[in-house]
């Protein structure tokens, strides 16, 4: 039987071996995420990571609700570096998969760790990039997949 504590101990062990060598490349396919400030929660969860070596590309898929304008305004107001954050505005809707494919093909390097975070999702906690980097350094997987979490956490859950 696996306990939550065993998983936490395993994660702490992996973090001990961590180096900030790999570059997580976060691809955010987004469409109509202005409602309830979903775009802002998404961006905030990325910039709150305890990891500095990452890049993010937001792909607005022809939103009709000003999502792209709001993302650009957030980037500008928060003085987010253009070397870390890039916004692409599609004039016509293409859907998520072609957008992700083009982003990987045109912007990612062979050593980058590609993370896909939908525009209305957010990362849980501040250690996501560190844990993913540690997994790729210690286990060398071809692909890693995480599932969704729905619910409310307390500050002391992680």
N, C-alpha and C. Protein backbone atom coordinates (compact mmCIF):
# COMPACT_ATOMS: atom_id res chain seq x y z
N UNK A 1 0.85 -1.18 0.00
CA UNK A 1 0.00 0.00 0.00
C UNK A 1 0.89 1.24 0.00
N UNK A 2 0.62 2.15 -0.91
CA UNK A 2 1.40 3.39 -0.98
C UNK A 2 0.72 4.47 -0.17
N UNK A 3 1.49 5.12 0.65
CA UNK A 3 0.91 6.19 1.44
C UNK A 3 1.33 7.53 0.86
N UNK A 4 0.61 8.56 1.23
CA UNK A 4 0.93 9.92 0.80
C UNK A 4 2.33 10.29 1.29
N UNK A 5 2.67 9.87 2.50
CA UNK A 5 3.98 10.21 3.06
C UNK A 5 5.12 9.59 2.24
N UNK A 6 4.90 8.37 1.74
CA UNK A 6 5.93 7.73 0.91
C UNK A 6 6.17 8.54 -0.36
N UNK A 7 5.09 9.02 -0.97
CA UNK A 7 5.21 9.84 -2.18
C UNK A 7 5.96 11.14 -1.87
N UNK A 8 5.63 11.78 -0.76
CA UNK A 8 6.30 13.03 -0.38
C UNK A 8 7.79 12.76 -0.14
N UNK A 9 8.13 11.66 0.56
CA UNK A 9 9.54 11.32 0.80
C UNK A 9 10.27 11.10 -0.52
N UNK A 10 9.63 10.41 -1.46
CA UNK A 10 10.23 10.17 -2.78
C UNK A 10 10.48 11.50 -3.49
N UNK A 11 9.51 12.40 -3.44
CA UNK A 11 9.66 13.71 -4.09
C UNK A 11 10.79 14.51 -3.46
N UNK A 12 10.90 14.46 -2.14
CA UNK A 12 11.98 15.19 -1.46
C UNK A 12 13.33 14.62 -1.86
N UNK A 13 13.43 13.30 -1.99
CA UNK A 13 14.67 12.67 -2.42
C UNK A 13 15.05 13.14 -3.81
N UNK A 14 14.09 13.18 -4.72
CA UNK A 14 14.38 13.62 -6.08
C UNK A 14 14.82 15.07 -6.09
N UNK A 15 14.23 15.91 -5.26
CA UNK A 15 14.60 17.32 -5.22
C UNK A 15 16.04 17.52 -4.74
N UNK A 16 16.56 16.58 -3.92
CA UNK A 16 17.94 16.68 -3.46
C UNK A 16 18.92 16.60 -4.63
N UNK A 17 18.54 15.85 -5.68
CA UNK A 17 19.42 15.65 -6.83
C UNK A 17 19.20 16.69 -7.93
N UNK A 18 18.42 17.69 -7.61
CA UNK A 18 18.00 18.64 -8.63
C UNK A 18 19.09 19.64 -9.00
N UNK A 19 19.19 19.88 -10.28
CA UNK A 19 19.99 20.98 -10.80
C UNK A 19 19.08 21.74 -11.74
N UNK A 20 19.29 23.03 -11.90
CA UNK A 20 18.45 23.80 -12.80
C UNK A 20 19.03 23.81 -14.21
N UNK A 21 19.30 22.66 -14.75
CA UNK A 21 19.92 22.57 -16.07
C UNK A 21 18.87 22.55 -17.18
N UNK A 22 17.86 21.75 -17.02
CA UNK A 22 16.85 21.61 -18.08
C UNK A 22 15.95 22.83 -18.10
N UNK A 23 15.44 23.14 -19.28
CA UNK A 23 14.56 24.28 -19.44
C UNK A 23 13.13 23.81 -19.68
N UNK A 24 12.26 23.98 -18.68
CA UNK A 24 10.86 23.72 -18.97
C UNK A 24 10.34 24.78 -19.93
N UNK A 25 9.72 24.34 -20.99
CA UNK A 25 9.11 25.23 -21.97
C UNK A 25 7.61 25.04 -21.84
N UNK A 26 6.95 26.05 -21.29
CA UNK A 26 5.53 25.97 -21.00
C UNK A 26 4.75 26.50 -22.19
N UNK A 27 3.91 25.66 -22.75
CA UNK A 27 3.06 26.06 -23.87
C UNK A 27 1.64 26.17 -23.33
N UNK A 28 1.05 27.35 -23.52
CA UNK A 28 -0.29 27.61 -22.99
C UNK A 28 -1.25 27.89 -24.14
N UNK A 29 -1.95 26.85 -24.62
CA UNK A 29 -2.99 27.11 -25.61
C UNK A 29 -4.20 27.71 -24.90
N UNK A 30 -4.71 28.80 -25.43
CA UNK A 30 -5.74 29.54 -24.71
C UNK A 30 -6.81 30.05 -25.67
N UNK A 31 -8.04 29.99 -25.24
CA UNK A 31 -9.14 30.57 -26.00
C UNK A 31 -10.24 30.98 -25.03
N UNK A 32 -10.59 32.26 -25.08
CA UNK A 32 -11.69 32.82 -24.28
C UNK A 32 -11.54 32.50 -22.79
N UNK A 33 -10.42 32.91 -22.22
CA UNK A 33 -10.16 32.69 -20.79
C UNK A 33 -10.17 33.97 -19.96
N UNK A 34 -10.87 34.99 -20.45
CA UNK A 34 -10.95 36.25 -19.71
C UNK A 34 -11.93 36.14 -18.54
N UNK A 35 -12.99 35.36 -18.71
CA UNK A 35 -14.00 35.24 -17.66
C UNK A 35 -13.38 34.73 -16.37
N UNK A 36 -13.75 35.37 -15.27
CA UNK A 36 -13.26 35.01 -13.94
C UNK A 36 -11.75 35.07 -13.83
N UNK A 37 -11.10 35.81 -14.70
CA UNK A 37 -9.64 36.02 -14.66
C UNK A 37 -8.85 34.73 -14.76
N UNK A 38 -9.37 33.74 -15.51
CA UNK A 38 -8.66 32.47 -15.63
C UNK A 38 -7.25 32.65 -16.19
N UNK A 39 -7.10 33.53 -17.17
CA UNK A 39 -5.77 33.79 -17.76
C UNK A 39 -4.80 34.27 -16.69
N UNK A 40 -5.28 35.10 -15.75
CA UNK A 40 -4.41 35.66 -14.72
C UNK A 40 -3.98 34.59 -13.72
N UNK A 41 -4.89 33.73 -13.30
CA UNK A 41 -4.52 32.63 -12.41
C UNK A 41 -3.49 31.72 -13.08
N UNK A 42 -3.68 31.49 -14.36
CA UNK A 42 -2.77 30.66 -15.14
C UNK A 42 -1.37 31.26 -15.14
N UNK A 43 -1.25 32.51 -15.52
CA UNK A 43 0.06 33.17 -15.58
C UNK A 43 0.69 33.25 -14.19
N UNK A 44 -0.10 33.63 -13.21
CA UNK A 44 0.42 33.77 -11.85
C UNK A 44 0.99 32.44 -11.35
N UNK A 45 0.34 31.34 -11.66
CA UNK A 45 0.83 30.04 -11.20
C UNK A 45 2.16 29.68 -11.87
N UNK A 46 2.40 30.20 -13.06
CA UNK A 46 3.67 29.96 -13.74
C UNK A 46 4.77 30.83 -13.15
N UNK A 47 4.50 32.12 -12.97
CA UNK A 47 5.56 33.01 -12.46
C UNK A 47 5.84 32.79 -10.98
N UNK A 48 4.95 32.12 -10.27
CA UNK A 48 5.17 31.84 -8.85
C UNK A 48 6.05 30.61 -8.60
N UNK A 49 6.49 29.94 -9.65
CA UNK A 49 7.31 28.74 -9.48
C UNK A 49 8.68 29.10 -8.87
N UNK A 50 9.18 28.23 -8.00
CA UNK A 50 10.52 28.40 -7.41
C UNK A 50 11.56 27.82 -8.36
N UNK A 51 11.59 28.36 -9.55
CA UNK A 51 12.48 27.85 -10.61
C UNK A 51 12.59 28.97 -11.63
N UNK A 52 13.79 29.36 -11.97
CA UNK A 52 13.95 30.53 -12.84
C UNK A 52 14.24 30.20 -14.30
N UNK A 53 14.67 28.99 -14.58
CA UNK A 53 15.09 28.62 -15.93
C UNK A 53 13.92 28.02 -16.72
N UNK A 54 13.02 28.85 -17.18
CA UNK A 54 11.88 28.38 -17.97
C UNK A 54 11.49 29.45 -18.99
N UNK A 55 10.73 29.03 -19.98
CA UNK A 55 10.16 29.95 -20.97
C UNK A 55 8.69 29.58 -21.16
N UNK A 56 7.90 30.58 -21.52
CA UNK A 56 6.46 30.36 -21.70
C UNK A 56 5.99 31.00 -22.99
N UNK A 57 5.17 30.28 -23.70
CA UNK A 57 4.54 30.82 -24.90
C UNK A 57 3.03 30.67 -24.75
N UNK A 58 2.33 31.78 -24.81
CA UNK A 58 0.87 31.80 -24.78
C UNK A 58 0.38 31.87 -26.21
N UNK A 59 -0.53 30.99 -26.56
CA UNK A 59 -1.09 31.00 -27.90
C UNK A 59 -2.58 31.28 -27.78
N UNK A 60 -2.96 32.50 -28.13
CA UNK A 60 -4.37 32.86 -28.11
C UNK A 60 -5.00 32.40 -29.42
N UNK A 61 -5.98 31.53 -29.32
CA UNK A 61 -6.60 30.92 -30.49
C UNK A 61 -7.82 31.71 -30.94
N UNK A 62 -7.58 32.94 -31.37
CA UNK A 62 -8.63 33.81 -31.90
C UNK A 62 -9.77 34.02 -30.90
N UNK A 63 -9.42 34.35 -29.68
CA UNK A 63 -10.43 34.58 -28.65
C UNK A 63 -11.33 35.75 -29.03
N UNK A 64 -12.58 35.64 -28.63
CA UNK A 64 -13.53 36.72 -28.90
C UNK A 64 -13.79 37.57 -27.66
N UNK A 65 -13.10 37.28 -26.56
CA UNK A 65 -13.37 37.97 -25.29
C UNK A 65 -12.19 38.81 -24.78
N UNK A 66 -11.28 39.17 -25.65
CA UNK A 66 -10.13 40.01 -25.30
C UNK A 66 -9.07 39.29 -24.47
N UNK A 67 -9.06 37.97 -24.47
CA UNK A 67 -8.06 37.23 -23.70
C UNK A 67 -6.64 37.67 -24.08
N UNK A 68 -6.35 37.75 -25.37
CA UNK A 68 -4.99 38.12 -25.81
C UNK A 68 -4.61 39.50 -25.31
N UNK A 69 -5.51 40.46 -25.40
CA UNK A 69 -5.23 41.82 -24.92
C UNK A 69 -4.95 41.81 -23.42
N UNK A 70 -5.73 41.04 -22.68
CA UNK A 70 -5.55 40.98 -21.22
C UNK A 70 -4.24 40.28 -20.85
N UNK A 71 -3.87 39.25 -21.58
CA UNK A 71 -2.58 38.58 -21.33
C UNK A 71 -1.44 39.57 -21.60
N UNK A 72 -1.51 40.27 -22.72
CA UNK A 72 -0.47 41.25 -23.04
C UNK A 72 -0.39 42.34 -21.98
N UNK A 73 -1.53 42.82 -21.53
CA UNK A 73 -1.57 43.84 -20.48
C UNK A 73 -0.95 43.30 -19.19
N UNK A 74 -1.25 42.07 -18.82
CA UNK A 74 -0.67 41.46 -17.63
C UNK A 74 0.85 41.35 -17.76
N UNK A 75 1.32 40.90 -18.91
CA UNK A 75 2.76 40.79 -19.14
C UNK A 75 3.44 42.14 -19.03
N UNK A 76 2.84 43.17 -19.62
CA UNK A 76 3.40 44.52 -19.60
C UNK A 76 3.37 45.11 -18.20
N UNK A 77 2.23 45.04 -17.53
CA UNK A 77 2.09 45.63 -16.18
C UNK A 77 3.04 44.98 -15.18
N UNK A 78 3.26 43.69 -15.32
CA UNK A 78 4.12 42.97 -14.38
C UNK A 78 5.57 42.90 -14.84
N UNK A 79 5.85 43.59 -15.94
CA UNK A 79 7.22 43.68 -16.47
C UNK A 79 7.85 42.30 -16.63
N UNK A 80 7.07 41.38 -17.21
CA UNK A 80 7.58 40.04 -17.45
C UNK A 80 8.49 40.06 -18.66
N UNK A 81 9.62 39.43 -18.55
CA UNK A 81 10.66 39.44 -19.58
C UNK A 81 10.17 38.83 -20.89
N UNK A 82 10.49 39.49 -21.99
CA UNK A 82 10.12 38.95 -23.31
C UNK A 82 10.94 37.70 -23.65
N UNK A 83 12.05 37.48 -22.95
CA UNK A 83 12.81 36.25 -23.17
C UNK A 83 12.15 35.06 -22.47
N UNK A 84 11.27 35.33 -21.51
CA UNK A 84 10.56 34.26 -20.79
C UNK A 84 9.12 34.11 -21.24
N UNK A 85 8.50 35.19 -21.69
CA UNK A 85 7.08 35.18 -22.03
C UNK A 85 6.86 35.72 -23.43
N UNK A 86 6.14 34.94 -24.22
CA UNK A 86 5.82 35.35 -25.59
C UNK A 86 4.32 35.08 -25.82
N UNK A 87 3.68 36.01 -26.50
CA UNK A 87 2.27 35.86 -26.83
C UNK A 87 2.12 35.77 -28.34
N UNK A 88 1.44 34.74 -28.79
CA UNK A 88 1.11 34.59 -30.21
C UNK A 88 -0.40 34.73 -30.33
N UNK A 89 -0.84 35.57 -31.26
CA UNK A 89 -2.27 35.79 -31.49
C UNK A 89 -2.66 35.18 -32.83
N UNK A 90 -3.49 34.18 -32.78
CA UNK A 90 -4.01 33.61 -34.02
C UNK A 90 -5.15 34.48 -34.54
N UNK A 91 -5.16 34.72 -35.83
CA UNK A 91 -6.26 35.48 -36.43
C UNK A 91 -7.45 34.58 -36.71
N UNK A 92 -7.17 33.29 -36.93
CA UNK A 92 -8.23 32.31 -37.14
C UNK A 92 -8.05 31.17 -36.13
N UNK A 93 -9.17 30.62 -35.70
CA UNK A 93 -9.12 29.53 -34.73
C UNK A 93 -8.53 28.28 -35.37
N UNK A 94 -7.59 27.65 -34.64
CA UNK A 94 -6.93 26.44 -35.15
C UNK A 94 -7.14 25.24 -34.23
N UNK A 95 -7.40 25.43 -32.99
CA UNK A 95 -7.56 24.44 -31.92
C UNK A 95 -6.21 24.14 -31.27
N UNK A 96 -6.26 23.51 -30.12
CA UNK A 96 -5.08 23.36 -29.27
C UNK A 96 -3.96 22.53 -29.90
N UNK A 97 -4.28 21.38 -30.46
CA UNK A 97 -3.23 20.47 -30.95
C UNK A 97 -2.36 21.09 -32.04
N UNK A 98 -2.92 21.69 -33.08
CA UNK A 98 -2.05 22.34 -34.08
C UNK A 98 -1.22 23.48 -33.48
N UNK A 99 -1.78 24.20 -32.52
CA UNK A 99 -1.03 25.28 -31.87
C UNK A 99 0.16 24.73 -31.07
N UNK A 100 -0.07 23.67 -30.32
CA UNK A 100 1.00 23.05 -29.54
C UNK A 100 2.07 22.49 -30.48
N UNK A 101 1.65 21.81 -31.52
CA UNK A 101 2.58 21.23 -32.48
C UNK A 101 3.48 22.32 -33.08
N UNK A 102 2.89 23.42 -33.54
CA UNK A 102 3.68 24.52 -34.11
C UNK A 102 4.63 25.13 -33.09
N UNK A 103 4.18 25.28 -31.86
CA UNK A 103 5.04 25.85 -30.82
C UNK A 103 6.25 24.96 -30.56
N UNK A 104 6.02 23.66 -30.45
CA UNK A 104 7.14 22.72 -30.23
C UNK A 104 8.09 22.78 -31.42
N UNK A 105 7.55 22.74 -32.61
CA UNK A 105 8.36 22.73 -33.83
C UNK A 105 9.18 24.01 -33.98
N UNK A 106 8.59 25.15 -33.68
CA UNK A 106 9.23 26.45 -33.95
C UNK A 106 9.97 27.09 -32.79
N UNK A 107 9.68 26.68 -31.56
CA UNK A 107 10.26 27.39 -30.42
C UNK A 107 11.03 26.52 -29.43
N UNK A 108 10.80 25.23 -29.42
CA UNK A 108 11.43 24.36 -28.43
C UNK A 108 12.71 23.73 -28.96
N UNK A 109 13.67 23.60 -28.06
CA UNK A 109 14.91 22.92 -28.40
C UNK A 109 14.82 21.44 -28.05
N UNK A 110 15.78 20.65 -28.53
CA UNK A 110 15.75 19.20 -28.29
C UNK A 110 15.90 18.82 -26.81
N UNK A 111 16.50 19.67 -26.01
CA UNK A 111 16.70 19.36 -24.60
C UNK A 111 15.63 19.97 -23.70
N UNK A 112 14.70 20.76 -24.27
CA UNK A 112 13.65 21.38 -23.47
C UNK A 112 12.67 20.34 -22.97
N UNK A 113 12.14 20.58 -21.79
CA UNK A 113 11.05 19.79 -21.25
C UNK A 113 9.77 20.55 -21.59
N UNK A 114 8.94 19.97 -22.41
CA UNK A 114 7.72 20.65 -22.87
C UNK A 114 6.58 20.36 -21.90
N UNK A 115 5.99 21.44 -21.38
CA UNK A 115 4.84 21.34 -20.49
C UNK A 115 3.66 22.02 -21.17
N UNK A 116 2.55 21.36 -21.22
CA UNK A 116 1.35 21.94 -21.81
C UNK A 116 0.37 22.23 -20.67
N UNK A 117 0.05 23.50 -20.51
CA UNK A 117 -0.87 23.93 -19.46
C UNK A 117 -1.99 24.71 -20.14
N UNK A 118 -3.18 24.18 -20.16
CA UNK A 118 -4.30 24.87 -20.81
C UNK A 118 -4.50 26.24 -20.19
N UNK A 119 -4.98 27.16 -21.00
CA UNK A 119 -5.13 28.56 -20.58
C UNK A 119 -6.06 28.79 -19.42
N UNK A 120 -6.93 27.85 -19.12
CA UNK A 120 -7.84 28.01 -17.98
C UNK A 120 -7.40 27.16 -16.79
N UNK A 121 -6.22 26.56 -16.87
CA UNK A 121 -5.69 25.76 -15.77
C UNK A 121 -4.60 26.52 -15.03
N UNK A 122 -4.24 26.03 -13.88
CA UNK A 122 -3.12 26.61 -13.14
C UNK A 122 -2.30 25.50 -12.50
N UNK A 123 -1.04 25.80 -12.27
CA UNK A 123 -0.14 24.85 -11.64
C UNK A 123 -0.38 24.85 -10.14
N UNK A 124 -0.29 23.69 -9.53
CA UNK A 124 -0.57 23.55 -8.11
C UNK A 124 0.74 23.61 -7.33
N UNK A 125 0.91 24.60 -6.52
CA UNK A 125 2.12 24.74 -5.72
C UNK A 125 3.21 25.48 -6.47
N UNK A 126 4.37 25.59 -5.82
CA UNK A 126 5.50 26.35 -6.38
C UNK A 126 6.66 25.46 -6.82
N UNK A 127 6.50 24.16 -6.71
CA UNK A 127 7.60 23.24 -6.99
C UNK A 127 7.41 22.43 -8.27
N UNK A 128 6.43 22.76 -9.07
CA UNK A 128 6.10 21.94 -10.24
C UNK A 128 7.29 21.79 -11.18
N UNK A 129 7.94 22.90 -11.54
CA UNK A 129 9.07 22.83 -12.47
C UNK A 129 10.23 22.07 -11.86
N UNK A 130 10.46 22.24 -10.57
CA UNK A 130 11.55 21.51 -9.90
C UNK A 130 11.30 20.00 -9.90
N UNK A 131 10.08 19.61 -9.57
CA UNK A 131 9.76 18.18 -9.53
C UNK A 131 9.86 17.58 -10.93
N UNK A 132 9.31 18.26 -11.92
CA UNK A 132 9.37 17.74 -13.29
C UNK A 132 10.82 17.64 -13.76
N UNK A 133 11.62 18.65 -13.48
CA UNK A 133 13.03 18.61 -13.86
C UNK A 133 13.73 17.45 -13.16
N UNK A 134 13.45 17.25 -11.88
CA UNK A 134 14.07 16.15 -11.14
C UNK A 134 13.67 14.80 -11.74
N UNK A 135 12.42 14.64 -12.12
CA UNK A 135 11.98 13.39 -12.75
C UNK A 135 12.75 13.16 -14.04
N UNK A 136 12.88 14.19 -14.86
CA UNK A 136 13.57 14.03 -16.13
C UNK A 136 15.07 13.79 -15.94
N UNK A 137 15.65 14.32 -14.88
CA UNK A 137 17.08 14.10 -14.64
C UNK A 137 17.36 12.73 -14.04
N UNK A 138 16.45 12.23 -13.19
CA UNK A 138 16.73 10.97 -12.49
C UNK A 138 16.11 9.76 -13.17
N UNK A 139 15.03 9.95 -13.88
CA UNK A 139 14.32 8.81 -14.49
C UNK A 139 14.43 8.78 -16.01
N UNK A 140 14.72 9.92 -16.63
CA UNK A 140 14.87 10.04 -18.08
C UNK A 140 13.67 9.50 -18.87
N UNK A 141 12.45 9.96 -18.54
CA UNK A 141 11.29 9.47 -19.27
C UNK A 141 11.16 10.13 -20.64
N UNK A 142 10.46 9.47 -21.54
CA UNK A 142 10.16 10.08 -22.84
C UNK A 142 8.97 11.01 -22.70
N UNK A 143 8.00 10.61 -21.88
CA UNK A 143 6.78 11.39 -21.67
C UNK A 143 6.35 11.24 -20.22
N UNK A 144 5.88 12.32 -19.63
CA UNK A 144 5.27 12.27 -18.30
C UNK A 144 3.91 12.95 -18.41
N UNK A 145 2.94 12.44 -17.71
CA UNK A 145 1.58 12.97 -17.79
C UNK A 145 1.04 13.13 -16.38
N UNK A 146 0.38 14.24 -16.14
CA UNK A 146 -0.30 14.42 -14.86
C UNK A 146 -1.78 14.59 -15.12
N UNK A 147 -2.55 14.31 -14.11
CA UNK A 147 -3.98 14.43 -14.24
C UNK A 147 -4.45 15.72 -13.58
N UNK A 148 -5.72 15.93 -13.58
CA UNK A 148 -6.32 17.13 -13.03
C UNK A 148 -6.62 16.95 -11.55
N UNK A 149 -6.67 18.07 -10.86
CA UNK A 149 -7.11 18.09 -9.47
C UNK A 149 -8.24 19.10 -9.38
N UNK A 150 -9.35 18.69 -8.84
CA UNK A 150 -10.47 19.59 -8.65
C UNK A 150 -10.74 19.67 -7.16
N UNK A 151 -10.81 20.85 -6.65
CA UNK A 151 -11.10 20.99 -5.22
C UNK A 151 -10.31 22.14 -4.65
N UNK A 152 -10.40 22.28 -3.37
CA UNK A 152 -9.72 23.38 -2.68
C UNK A 152 -8.70 22.79 -1.72
N UNK A 153 -7.50 23.35 -1.74
CA UNK A 153 -6.45 22.91 -0.83
C UNK A 153 -6.20 23.97 0.22
N UNK A 154 -5.70 23.53 1.35
CA UNK A 154 -5.26 24.46 2.38
C UNK A 154 -3.79 24.77 2.14
N UNK A 155 -3.32 25.88 2.69
CA UNK A 155 -1.92 26.29 2.51
C UNK A 155 -0.94 25.25 3.00
N UNK A 156 -1.30 24.43 3.97
CA UNK A 156 -0.37 23.45 4.53
C UNK A 156 -0.44 22.09 3.85
N UNK A 157 -1.18 21.96 2.75
CA UNK A 157 -1.28 20.68 2.06
C UNK A 157 0.01 20.30 1.32
N UNK A 158 0.83 21.29 0.97
CA UNK A 158 2.07 20.98 0.24
C UNK A 158 3.24 21.68 0.87
